Amino acid sequence: MRVLILVGVAGAVGTGVAGKIVRPFQLCSAEGREERRIALELQALRKENVALERKIEYVKTPRGVAEAARKLGYVKPGEVMLVIPEEEPGGQAPNQRPR
């Protein structure tokens, strides 16, 4: 009987000690995965930042300014803006009633 109690106590203590030994390794592994995820996110954000910086530089050029202005509906002096409605499915332009 004493042997069973001793084995049970030893098992419980061993499990507790094993848990304390294994836990740091589990945490280290989780931190490694998180670090890799953050590094990939940082890399993607840096690429996006480079693309946005290029776009800013383009918009600062005369051609970029003109393109941005046209997207906002501005026209050059002497030009006339024509708005051509897109066709909806069925071949009708918006705001037209069927005949």
PDB file of N, CA and C in Angstrom:
ATOM      1  N   MET A   1       0.818  -1.186   0.000  1.00  0.00           N
ATOM      2  CA  MET A   1       0.000   0.000   0.000  1.00  0.00           C
ATOM      3  C   MET A   1       0.868   1.259   0.000  1.00  0.00           C
ATOM      4  N   ARG A   2       1.914   1.233   0.829  1.00  0.00           N
ATOM      5  CA  ARG A   2       2.812   2.381   0.879  1.00  0.00           C
ATOM      6  C   ARG A   2       3.482   2.615  -0.476  1.00  0.00           C
ATOM      7  N   VAL A   3       3.766   1.560  -1.157  1.00  0.00           N
ATOM      8  CA  VAL A   3       4.416   1.670  -2.461  1.00  0.00           C
ATOM      9  C   VAL A   3       3.476   2.378  -3.449  1.00  0.00           C
ATOM     10  N   LEU A   4       2.197   2.024  -3.424  1.00  0.00           N
ATOM     11  CA  LEU A   4       1.235   2.668  -4.314  1.00  0.00           C
ATOM     12  C   LEU A   4       1.101   4.150  -3.997  1.00  0.00           C
ATOM     13  N   ILE A   5       1.065   4.487  -2.740  1.00  0.00           N
ATOM     14  CA  ILE A   5       0.970   5.900  -2.349  1.00  0.00           C
ATOM     15  C   ILE A   5       2.228   6.626  -2.792  1.00  0.00           C
ATOM     16  N   LEU A   6       3.365   5.997  -2.572  1.00  0.00           N
ATOM     17  CA  LEU A   6       4.630   6.607  -2.957  1.00  0.00           C
ATOM     18  C   LEU A   6       4.705   6.810  -4.475  1.00  0.00           C
ATOM     19  N   VAL A   7       4.247   5.840  -5.227  1.00  0.00           N
ATOM     20  CA  VAL A   7       4.240   5.946  -6.684  1.00  0.00           C
ATOM     21  C   VAL A   7       3.265   7.048  -7.124  1.00  0.00           C
ATOM     22  N   GLY A   8       2.126   7.121  -6.476  1.00  0.00           N
ATOM     23  CA  GLY A   8       1.137   8.154  -6.803  1.00  0.00           C
ATOM     24  C   GLY A   8       1.669   9.544  -6.523  1.00  0.00           C
ATOM     25  N   VAL A   9       2.300   9.731  -5.390  1.00  0.00           N
ATOM     26  CA  VAL A   9       2.865  11.029  -5.033  1.00  0.00           C
ATOM     27  C   VAL A   9       3.998  11.374  -5.993  1.00  0.00           C
ATOM     28  N   ALA A  10       4.835  10.402  -6.281  1.00  0.00           N
ATOM     29  CA  ALA A  10       5.940  10.634  -7.200  1.00  0.00           C
ATOM     30  C   ALA A  10       5.418  11.000  -8.594  1.00  0.00           C
ATOM     31  N   GLY A  11       4.370  10.343  -9.001  1.00  0.00           N
ATOM     32  CA  GLY A  11       3.770  10.649 -10.311  1.00  0.00           C
ATOM     33  C   GLY A  11       3.207  12.053 -10.347  1.00  0.00           C
ATOM     34  N   ALA A  12       2.523  12.447  -9.287  1.00  0.00           N
ATOM     35  CA  ALA A  12       1.936  13.786  -9.229  1.00  0.00           C
ATOM     36  C   ALA A  12       3.030  14.852  -9.221  1.00  0.00           C
ATOM     37  N   VAL A  13       4.056  14.633  -8.434  1.00  0.00           N
ATOM     38  CA  VAL A  13       5.168  15.586  -8.367  1.00  0.00           C
ATOM     39  C   VAL A  13       5.892  15.623  -9.707  1.00  0.00           C
ATOM     40  N   GLY A  14       6.088  14.467 -10.290  1.00  0.00           N
ATOM     41  CA  GLY A  14       6.769  14.381 -11.584  1.00  0.00           C
ATOM     42  C   GLY A  14       5.992  15.100 -12.676  1.00  0.00           C
ATOM     43  N   THR A  15       4.680  14.953 -12.645  1.00  0.00           N
ATOM     44  CA  THR A  15       3.843  15.633 -13.638  1.00  0.00           C
ATOM     45  C   THR A  15       3.941  17.139 -13.470  1.00  0.00           C
ATOM     46  N   GLY A  16       3.904  17.611 -12.247  1.00  0.00           N
ATOM     47  CA  GLY A  16       4.017  19.041 -11.986  1.00  0.00           C
ATOM     48  C   GLY A  16       5.358  19.588 -12.425  1.00  0.00           C
ATOM     49  N   VAL A  17       6.408  18.861 -12.119  1.00  0.00           N
ATOM     50  CA  VAL A  17       7.753  19.299 -12.504  1.00  0.00           C
ATOM     51  C   VAL A  17       7.902  19.262 -14.022  1.00  0.00           C
ATOM     52  N   ALA A  18       7.384  18.204 -14.642  1.00  0.00           N
ATOM     53  CA  ALA A  18       7.471  18.087 -16.097  1.00  0.00           C
ATOM     54  C   ALA A  18       6.719  19.248 -16.763  1.00  0.00           C
ATOM     55  N   GLY A  19       5.576  19.608 -16.196  1.00  0.00           N
ATOM     56  CA  GLY A  19       4.816  20.727 -16.741  1.00  0.00           C
ATOM     57  C   GLY A  19       5.592  22.024 -16.659  1.00  0.00           C
ATOM     58  N   LYS A  20       6.290  22.209 -15.552  1.00  0.00           N
ATOM     59  CA  LYS A  20       7.077  23.433 -15.383  1.00  0.00           C
ATOM     60  C   LYS A  20       8.295  23.444 -16.308  1.00  0.00           C
ATOM     61  N   ILE A  21       8.774  22.301 -16.657  1.00  0.00           N
ATOM     62  CA  ILE A  21       9.920  22.223 -17.567  1.00  0.00           C
ATOM     63  C   ILE A  21       9.476  22.437 -19.005  1.00  0.00           C
ATOM     64  N   VAL A  22       8.340  21.865 -19.372  1.00  0.00           N
ATOM     65  CA  VAL A  22       7.857  21.928 -20.754  1.00  0.00           C
ATOM     66  C   VAL A  22       7.264  23.297 -21.087  1.00  0.00           C
ATOM     67  N   ARG A  23       6.641  23.958 -20.117  1.00  0.00           N
ATOM     68  CA  ARG A  23       5.943  25.231 -20.358  1.00  0.00           C
ATOM     69  C   ARG A  23       6.817  26.296 -21.032  1.00  0.00           C
ATOM     70  N   PRO A  24       8.041  26.527 -20.597  1.00  0.00           N
ATOM     71  CA  PRO A  24       8.869  27.530 -21.275  1.00  0.00           C
ATOM     72  C   PRO A  24       9.120  27.212 -22.749  1.00  0.00           C
ATOM     73  N   PHE A  25       9.247  25.928 -23.058  1.00  0.00           N
ATOM     74  CA  PHE A  25       9.454  25.538 -24.452  1.00  0.00           C
ATOM     75  C   PHE A  25       8.198  25.817 -25.292  1.00  0.00           C
ATOM     76  N   GLN A  26       7.033  25.567 -24.687  1.00  0.00           N
ATOM     77  CA  GLN A  26       5.785  25.865 -25.385  1.00  0.00           C
ATOM     78  C   GLN A  26       5.650  27.367 -25.629  1.00  0.00           C
ATOM     79  N   LEU A  27       5.975  28.152 -24.628  1.00  0.00           N
ATOM     80  CA  LEU A  27       5.904  29.604 -24.773  1.00  0.00           C
ATOM     81  C   LEU A  27       6.884  30.103 -25.834  1.00  0.00           C
ATOM     82  N   CYS A  28       8.060  29.538 -25.840  1.00  0.00           N
ATOM     83  CA  CYS A  28       9.085  29.932 -26.817  1.00  0.00           C
ATOM     84  C   CYS A  28       8.616  29.606 -28.235  1.00  0.00           C
ATOM     85  N   SER A  29       7.991  28.459 -28.393  1.00  0.00           N
ATOM     86  CA  SER A  29       7.478  28.062 -29.704  1.00  0.00           C
ATOM     87  C   SER A  29       6.368  29.007 -30.152  1.00  0.00           C
ATOM     88  N   ALA A  30       5.462  29.350 -29.242  1.00  0.00           N
ATOM     89  CA  ALA A  30       4.369  30.268 -29.574  1.00  0.00           C
ATOM     90  C   ALA A  30       4.919  31.647 -29.921  1.00  0.00           C
ATOM     91  N   GLU A  31       5.919  32.092 -29.178  1.00  0.00           N
ATOM     92  CA  GLU A  31       6.526  33.393 -29.464  1.00  0.00           C
ATOM     93  C   GLU A  31       7.222  33.381 -30.820  1.00  0.00           C
ATOM     94  N   GLY A  32       7.832  32.272 -31.175  1.00  0.00           N
ATOM     95  CA  GLY A  32       8.482  32.157 -32.482  1.00  0.00           C
ATOM     96  C   GLY A  32       7.479  32.266 -33.612  1.00  0.00           C
ATOM     97  N   ARG A  33       6.324  31.599 -33.463  1.00  0.00           N
ATOM     98  CA  ARG A  33       5.274  31.687 -34.483  1.00  0.00           C
ATOM     99  C   ARG A  33       4.757  33.117 -34.594  1.00  0.00           C
ATOM    100  N   GLU A  34       4.547  33.765 -33.467  1.00  0.00           N
ATOM    101  CA  GLU A  34       4.067  35.146 -33.458  1.00  0.00           C
ATOM    102  C   GLU A  34       5.085  36.083 -34.100  1.00  0.00           C
ATOM    103  N   GLU A  35       6.356  35.858 -33.816  1.00  0.00           N
ATOM    104  CA  GLU A  35       7.423  36.681 -34.398  1.00  0.00           C
ATOM    105  C   GLU A  35       7.448  36.536 -35.919  1.00  0.00           C
ATOM    106  N   ARG A  36       7.285  35.307 -36.422  1.00  0.00           N
ATOM    107  CA  ARG A  36       7.272  35.086 -37.869  1.00  0.00           C
ATOM    108  C   ARG A  36       6.053  35.761 -38.504  1.00  0.00           C
ATOM    109  N   ARG A  37       4.893  35.671 -37.834  1.00  0.00           N
ATOM    110  CA  ARG A  37       3.677  36.302 -38.355  1.00  0.00           C
ATOM    111  C   ARG A  37       3.861  37.823 -38.430  1.00  0.00           C
ATOM    112  N   ILE A  38       4.421  38.406 -37.386  1.00  0.00           N
ATOM    113  CA  ILE A  38       4.635  39.853 -37.351  1.00  0.00           C
ATOM    114  C   ILE A  38       5.664  40.271 -38.400  1.00  0.00           C
ATOM    115  N   ALA A  39       6.694  39.464 -38.592  1.00  0.00           N
ATOM    116  CA  ALA A  39       7.716  39.779 -39.597  1.00  0.00           C
ATOM    117  C   ALA A  39       7.107  39.784 -40.999  1.00  0.00           C
ATOM    118  N   LEU A  40       6.217  38.832 -41.291  1.00  0.00           N
ATOM    119  CA  LEU A  40       5.550  38.799 -42.591  1.00  0.00           C
ATOM    120  C   LEU A  40       4.625  39.999 -42.763  1.00  0.00           C
ATOM    121  N   GLU A  41       3.923  40.362 -41.696  1.00  0.00           N
ATOM    122  CA  GLU A  41       3.039  41.527 -41.749  1.00  0.00           C
ATOM    123  C   GLU A  41       3.855  42.804 -41.980  1.00  0.00           C
ATOM    124  N   LEU A  42       4.995  42.906 -41.298  1.00  0.00           N
ATOM    125  CA  LEU A  42       5.866  44.072 -41.468  1.00  0.00           C
ATOM    126  C   LEU A  42       6.374  44.164 -42.902  1.00  0.00           C
ATOM    127  N   GLN A  43       6.757  43.037 -43.468  1.00  0.00           N
ATOM    128  CA  GLN A  43       7.244  43.005 -44.849  1.00  0.00           C
ATOM    129  C   GLN A  43       6.147  43.484 -45.811  1.00  0.00           C
ATOM    130  N   ALA A  44       4.909  43.017 -45.600  1.00  0.00           N
ATOM    131  CA  ALA A  44       3.797  43.437 -46.458  1.00  0.00           C
ATOM    132  C   ALA A  44       3.532  44.933 -46.308  1.00  0.00           C
ATOM    133  N   LEU A  45       3.598  45.434 -45.086  1.00  0.00           N
ATOM    134  CA  LEU A  45       3.366  46.863 -44.859  1.00  0.00           C
ATOM    135  C   LEU A  45       4.464  47.718 -45.483  1.00  0.00           C
ATOM    136  N   ARG A  46       5.692  47.227 -45.451  1.00  0.00           N
ATOM    137  CA  ARG A  46       6.789  47.969 -46.090  1.00  0.00           C
ATOM    138  C   ARG A  46       6.587  48.046 -47.598  1.00  0.00           C
ATOM    139  N   LYS A  47       6.136  46.935 -48.215  1.00  0.00           N
ATOM    140  CA  LYS A  47       5.859  46.939 -49.656  1.00  0.00           C
ATOM    141  C   LYS A  47       4.739  47.927 -49.975  1.00  0.00           C
ATOM    142  N   GLU A  48       3.697  47.906 -49.158  1.00  0.00           N
ATOM    143  CA  GLU A  48       2.581  48.826 -49.363  1.00  0.00           C
ATOM    144  C   GLU A  48       3.051  50.278 -49.213  1.00  0.00           C
ATOM    145  N   ASN A  49       3.919  50.521 -48.248  1.00  0.00           N
ATOM    146  CA  ASN A  49       4.447  51.862 -48.020  1.00  0.00           C
ATOM    147  C   ASN A  49       5.238  52.348 -49.231  1.00  0.00           C
ATOM    148  N   VAL A  50       6.053  51.479 -49.813  1.00  0.00           N
ATOM    149  CA  VAL A  50       6.827  51.842 -51.005  1.00  0.00           C
ATOM    150  C   VAL A  50       5.878  52.188 -52.147  1.00  0.00           C
ATOM    151  N   ALA A  51       4.838  51.383 -52.329  1.00  0.00           N
ATOM    152  CA  ALA A  51       3.876  51.646 -53.408  1.00  0.00           C
ATOM    153  C   ALA A  51       3.168  52.976 -53.179  1.00  0.00           C
ATOM    154  N   LEU A  52       2.794  53.269 -51.945  1.00  0.00           N
ATOM    155  CA  LEU A  52       2.117  54.528 -51.647  1.00  0.00           C
ATOM    156  C   LEU A  52       3.049  55.724 -51.839  1.00  0.00           C
ATOM    157  N   GLU A  53       4.325  55.562 -51.478  1.00  0.00           N
ATOM    158  CA  GLU A  53       5.286  56.643 -51.690  1.00  0.00           C
ATOM    159  C   GLU A  53       5.466  56.921 -53.181  1.00  0.00           C
ATOM    160  N   ARG A  54       5.485  55.877 -53.992  1.00  0.00           N
ATOM    161  CA  ARG A  54       5.577  56.064 -55.450  1.00  0.00           C
ATOM    162  C   ARG A  54       4.350  56.788 -55.977  1.00  0.00           C
ATOM    163  N   LYS A  55       3.184  56.420 -55.450  1.00  0.00           N
ATOM    164  CA  LYS A  55       1.946  57.056 -55.878  1.00  0.00           C
ATOM    165  C   LYS A  55       1.952  58.536 -55.507  1.00  0.00           C
ATOM    166  N   ILE A  56       2.447  58.859 -54.322  1.00  0.00           N
ATOM    167  CA  ILE A  56       2.544  60.259 -53.882  1.00  0.00           C
ATOM    168  C   ILE A  56       3.452  61.032 -54.825  1.00  0.00           C
ATOM    169  N   GLU A  57       4.600  60.452 -55.163  1.00  0.00           N
ATOM    170  CA  GLU A  57       5.526  61.121 -56.067  1.00  0.00           C
ATOM    171  C   GLU A  57       4.893  61.341 -57.440  1.00  0.00           C
ATOM    172  N   TYR A  58       4.107  60.374 -57.911  1.00  0.00           N
ATOM    173  CA  TYR A  58       3.445  60.516 -59.212  1.00  0.00           C
ATOM    174  C   TYR A  58       2.409  61.637 -59.168  1.00  0.00           C
ATOM    175  N   VAL A  59       1.637  61.701 -58.087  1.00  0.00           N
ATOM    176  CA  VAL A  59       0.593  62.718 -57.978  1.00  0.00           C
ATOM    177  C   VAL A  59       1.198  64.116 -57.895  1.00  0.00           C
ATOM    178  N   LYS A  60       2.449  64.221 -57.487  1.00  0.00           N
ATOM    179  CA  LYS A  60       3.120  65.524 -57.431  1.00  0.00           C
ATOM    180  C   LYS A  60       3.552  66.010 -58.811  1.00  0.00           C
ATOM    181  N   THR A  61       3.559  65.132 -59.807  1.00  0.00           N
ATOM    182  CA  THR A  61       3.958  65.520 -61.164  1.00  0.00           C
ATOM    183  C   THR A  61       2.775  66.189 -61.868  1.00  0.00           C
ATOM    184  N   PRO A  62       3.025  66.994 -62.906  1.00  0.00           N
ATOM    185  CA  PRO A  62       1.912  67.630 -63.633  1.00  0.00           C
ATOM    186  C   PRO A  62       0.916  66.605 -64.191  1.00  0.00           C
ATOM    187  N   ARG A  63       1.435  65.509 -64.698  1.00  0.00           N
ATOM    188  CA  ARG A  63       0.547  64.472 -65.244  1.00  0.00           C
ATOM    189  C   ARG A  63      -0.306  63.843 -64.137  1.00  0.00           C
ATOM    190  N   GLY A  64       0.302  63.619 -62.984  1.00  0.00           N
ATOM    191  CA  GLY A  64      -0.430  63.043 -61.867  1.00  0.00           C
ATOM    192  C   GLY A  64      -1.494  63.981 -61.331  1.00  0.00           C
ATOM    193  N   VAL A  65      -1.166  65.266 -61.274  1.00  0.00           N
ATOM    194  CA  VAL A  65      -2.142  66.263 -60.818  1.00  0.00           C
ATOM    195  C   VAL A  65      -3.328  66.298 -61.774  1.00  0.00           C
ATOM    196  N   ALA A  66      -3.044  66.302 -63.075  1.00  0.00           N
ATOM    197  CA  ALA A  66      -4.116  66.341 -64.073  1.00  0.00           C
ATOM    198  C   ALA A  66      -5.005  65.105 -63.963  1.00  0.00           C
ATOM    199  N   GLU A  67      -4.389  63.948 -63.776  1.00  0.00           N
ATOM    200  CA  GLU A  67      -5.164  62.703 -63.661  1.00  0.00           C
ATOM    201  C   GLU A  67      -6.056  62.734 -62.419  1.00  0.00           C
ATOM    202  N   ALA A  68      -5.501  63.183 -61.301  1.00  0.00           N
ATOM    203  CA  ALA A  68      -6.279  63.257 -60.065  1.00  0.00           C
ATOM    204  C   ALA A  68      -7.419  64.258 -60.209  1.00  0.00           C
ATOM    205  N   ALA A  69      -7.162  65.380 -60.862  1.00  0.00           N
ATOM    206  CA  ALA A  69      -8.198  66.399 -61.058  1.00  0.00           C
ATOM    207  C   ALA A  69      -9.326  65.860 -61.929  1.00  0.00           C
ATOM    208  N   ARG A  70      -8.975  65.130 -62.969  1.00  0.00           N
ATOM    209  CA  ARG A  70     -10.006  64.566 -63.848  1.00  0.00           C
ATOM    210  C   ARG A  70     -10.879  63.559 -63.099  1.00  0.00           C
ATOM    211  N   LYS A  71     -10.269  62.788 -62.210  1.00  0.00           N
ATOM    212  CA  LYS A  71     -11.060  61.830 -61.414  1.00  0.00           C
ATOM    213  C   LYS A  71     -12.054  62.567 -60.519  1.00  0.00           C
ATOM    214  N   LEU A  72     -11.733  63.798 -60.141  1.00  0.00           N
ATOM    215  CA  LEU A  72     -12.632  64.609 -59.308  1.00  0.00           C
ATOM    216  C   LEU A  72     -13.631  65.410 -60.137  1.00  0.00           C
ATOM    217  N   GLY A  73     -13.554  65.294 -61.476  1.00  0.00           N
ATOM    218  CA  GLY A  73     -14.516  65.959 -62.340  1.00  0.00           C
ATOM    219  C   GLY A  73     -14.065  67.297 -62.892  1.00  0.00           C
ATOM    220  N   TYR A  74     -12.833  67.684 -62.682  1.00  0.00           N
ATOM    221  CA  TYR A  74     -12.325  68.949 -63.218  1.00  0.00           C
ATOM    222  C   TYR A  74     -11.961  68.786 -64.690  1.00  0.00           C
ATOM    223  N   VAL A  75     -12.102  69.886 -65.436  1.00  0.00           N
ATOM    224  CA  VAL A  75     -11.730  69.893 -66.847  1.00  0.00           C
ATOM    225  C   VAL A  75     -10.815  71.084 -67.095  1.00  0.00           C
ATOM    226  N   LYS A  76     -10.069  71.017 -68.190  1.00  0.00           N
ATOM    227  CA  LYS A  76      -9.186  72.120 -68.563  1.00  0.00           C
ATOM    228  C   LYS A  76     -10.029  73.239 -69.176  1.00  0.00           C
ATOM    229  N   PRO A  77      -9.530  74.467 -69.131  1.00  0.00           N
ATOM    230  CA  PRO A  77     -10.270  75.570 -69.750  1.00  0.00           C
ATOM    231  C   PRO A  77     -10.537  75.282 -71.223  1.00  0.00           C
ATOM    232  N   GLY A  78     -11.763  75.491 -71.639  1.00  0.00           N
ATOM    233  CA  GLY A  78     -12.138  75.247 -73.027  1.00  0.00           C
ATOM    234  C   GLY A  78     -12.663  73.848 -73.280  1.00  0.00           C
ATOM    235  N   GLU A  79     -12.480  72.926 -72.353  1.00  0.00           N
ATOM    236  CA  GLU A  79     -12.993  71.567 -72.522  1.00  0.00           C
ATOM    237  C   GLU A  79     -14.439  71.500 -72.038  1.00  0.00           C
ATOM    238  N   VAL A  80     -15.162  70.551 -72.588  1.00  0.00           N
ATOM    239  CA  VAL A  80     -16.528  70.292 -72.151  1.00  0.00           C
ATOM    240  C   VAL A  80     -16.577  68.850 -71.668  1.00  0.00           C
ATOM    241  N   MET A  81     -17.128  68.667 -70.480  1.00  0.00           N
ATOM    242  CA  MET A  81     -17.208  67.306 -69.936  1.00  0.00           C
ATOM    243  C   MET A  81     -18.505  66.654 -70.397  1.00  0.00           C
ATOM    244  N   LEU A  82     -18.383  65.480 -70.952  1.00  0.00           N
ATOM    245  CA  LEU A  82     -19.541  64.689 -71.343  1.00  0.00           C
ATOM    246  C   LEU A  82     -19.640  63.497 -70.415  1.00  0.00           C
ATOM    247  N   VAL A  83     -20.819  63.275 -69.892  1.00  0.00           N
ATOM    248  CA  VAL A  83     -21.047  62.117 -69.029  1.00  0.00           C
ATOM    249  C   VAL A  83     -21.931  61.158 -69.795  1.00  0.00           C
ATOM    250  N   ILE A  84     -21.378  60.007 -70.097  1.00  0.00           N
ATOM    251  CA  ILE A  84     -22.115  58.994 -70.848  1.00  0.00           C
ATOM    252  C   ILE A  84     -22.525  57.909 -69.856  1.00  0.00           C
ATOM    253  N   PRO A  85     -23.827  57.735 -69.658  1.00  0.00           N
ATOM    254  CA  PRO A  85     -24.273  56.727 -68.679  1.00  0.00           C
ATOM    255  C   PRO A  85     -23.922  55.324 -69.151  1.00  0.00           C
ATOM    256  N   GLU A  86     -23.567  54.504 -68.203  1.00  0.00           N
ATOM    257  CA  GLU A  86     -23.262  53.106 -68.521  1.00  0.00           C
ATOM    258  C   GLU A  86     -24.571  52.361 -68.736  1.00  0.00           C
ATOM    259  N   GLU A  87     -24.526  51.377 -69.604  1.00  0.00           N
ATOM    260  CA  GLU A  87     -25.728  50.593 -69.849  1.00  0.00           C
ATOM    261  C   GLU A  87     -25.918  49.578 -68.742  1.00  0.00           C
ATOM    262  N   GLU A  88     -27.184  49.401 -68.379  1.00  0.00           N
ATOM    263  CA  GLU A  88     -27.535  48.382 -67.406  1.00  0.00           C
ATOM    264  C   GLU A  88     -27.823  47.092 -68.153  1.00  0.00           C
ATOM    265  N   PRO A  89     -27.841  45.977 -67.443  1.00  0.00           N
ATOM    266  CA  PRO A  89     -28.216  44.728 -68.118  1.00  0.00           C
ATOM    267  C   PRO A  89     -29.595  44.876 -68.748  1.00  0.00           C
ATOM    268  N   GLY A  90     -29.748  44.441 -69.936  1.00  0.00           N
ATOM    269  CA  GLY A  90     -31.007  44.592 -70.655  1.00  0.00           C
ATOM    270  C   GLY A  90     -30.911  45.665 -71.723  1.00  0.00           C
ATOM    271  N   GLY A  91     -29.754  46.339 -71.815  1.00  0.00           N
ATOM    272  CA  GLY A  91     -29.528  47.310 -72.879  1.00  0.00           C
ATOM    273  C   GLY A  91     -30.113  48.677 -72.628  1.00  0.00           C
ATOM    274  N   GLN A  92     -30.565  48.981 -71.423  1.00  0.00           N
ATOM    275  CA  GLN A  92     -31.137  50.287 -71.141  1.00  0.00           C
ATOM    276  C   GLN A  92     -30.173  51.123 -70.319  1.00  0.00           C
ATOM    277  N   ALA A  93     -30.102  52.392 -70.626  1.00  0.00           N
ATOM    278  CA  ALA A  93     -29.309  53.310 -69.820  1.00  0.00           C
ATOM    279  C   ALA A  93     -30.099  53.604 -68.543  1.00  0.00           C
ATOM    280  N   PRO A  94     -29.417  53.936 -67.467  1.00  0.00           N
ATOM    281  CA  PRO A  94     -30.140  54.266 -66.242  1.00  0.00           C
ATOM    282  C   PRO A  94     -31.044  55.471 -66.462  1.00  0.00           C
ATOM    283  N   ASN A  95     -32.102  55.544 -65.706  1.00  0.00           N
ATOM    284  CA  ASN A  95     -33.078  56.639 -65.737  1.00  0.00           C
ATOM    285  C   ASN A  95     -33.880  56.691 -67.027  1.00  0.00           C
ATOM    286  N   GLN A  96     -33.897  55.628 -67.793  1.00  0.00           N
ATOM    287  CA  GLN A  96     -34.739  55.560 -68.979  1.00  0.00           C
ATOM    288  C   GLN A  96     -35.866  54.579 -68.715  1.00  0.00           C
ATOM    289  N   ARG A  97     -37.042  54.964 -69.154  1.00  0.00           N
ATOM    290  CA  ARG A  97     -38.189  54.075 -68.991  1.00  0.00           C
ATOM    291  C   ARG A  97     -38.333  53.186 -70.226  1.00  0.00           C
ATOM    292  N   PRO A  98     -38.719  51.948 -70.021  1.00  0.00           N
ATOM    293  CA  PRO A  98     -38.970  51.081 -71.192  1.00  0.00           C
ATOM    294  C   PRO A  98     -40.146  51.594 -71.970  1.00  0.00           C
ATOM    295  N   ARG A  99     -40.127  51.410 -73.261  1.00  0.00           N
ATOM    296  CA  ARG A  99     -41.216  51.889 -74.138  1.00  0.00           C
ATOM    297  C   ARG A  99     -42.181  50.790 -74.447  1.00  0.00           C
TER     298      ARG A  99
END
